[in-house]
Amino acid sequence: MNLSESVGQTGSSEKVIRLVRPSVVVLCGAAACGKSTFAARHFRPTQIISSDRCRALVCDDEQDQRFQAQAFALLDFLVEQRLGVNRLCVVDSTALTQGSRQSLLELARRHRVPCVVFLFETPLAVCIARDAGRERSVGQPVVERQYQMFEQAKSSIAQEGFNQIVELRGAELDQVRIEIVFRPAPRVAAGPPRPEGRRFAPRPGQPAQPGPPRPSQEPSRSSGQTGTGKSSAESSGSAQSGDAPGPPCEKKP
């Protein structure tokens, strides 16, 4: 789906953006450019996967940058789980590095769904003023650095493989209408089947539960025995000890 098919203008200067569910929507822009406000206005809270929220879930502080790896591992996990059940994933992060965008592109390709990027073209002065008025400001140097990274990223995003690129400028943010079309994705091939025995390893300190009893290998003392100490069945050449049937297989419900 190209840009001309997905974005249109109505007679009232409204900008209509058509998205597919399931898909991955990447919000890209510097701090205080309006990503979170835009997401909250147009998408359900459950559809928004925020890197700040993931960081808070990991370490109780959404601004603690020491746990970036864990926070984005959680973000990727949530995206993958939602795509597996045909849900829309709106990723609210700066997405300023090619590596962070590539990770989301790979998740979308793995699940055979579109990946869309929204570029927030908010002027630097507006971003700085908004950040200064926040209770938890990141500071002007951080905003300026992120804005420079955003300008550099725009030159490469067109070649990264996104199915749709939507540019949003300041005035347009209040004139956007999102339309979502449900189009189930083809099922991803399942992994190798799990063994029929114990499916989970015991937790540390928890003893392993015994499996089904095995047939005894000792000769029966109640049966007649020959002078060599073997049972009459063994002495006649029978291989019953090797062919003894095990416990019946457990049928799955």
Foldseek 3Di string as FASTA:
>chain_A
DEAVVAWDADPVRFIEGEAEWAEEEEEADFAQLCQVVLCVVAHDPLQEQELLVLCCVVPVGSPPPPCSVNSVVVSLVSSLVQLQVRGYHYYHDNCLDPVSVLSRVVSCVLQVHAYEYEYRAEDLVSSQVSLVPDPDHPDSVRRVVSRVSSVVVVVCPVVSDHRYYHYDYDVNSVRYHYHYHYDRTDHRDDDDDADPPDRDDDDPPDDDDDDDDFDDLDADPVADDDPVRHGPCVVVPDPCSVVPDGDDDDDDD
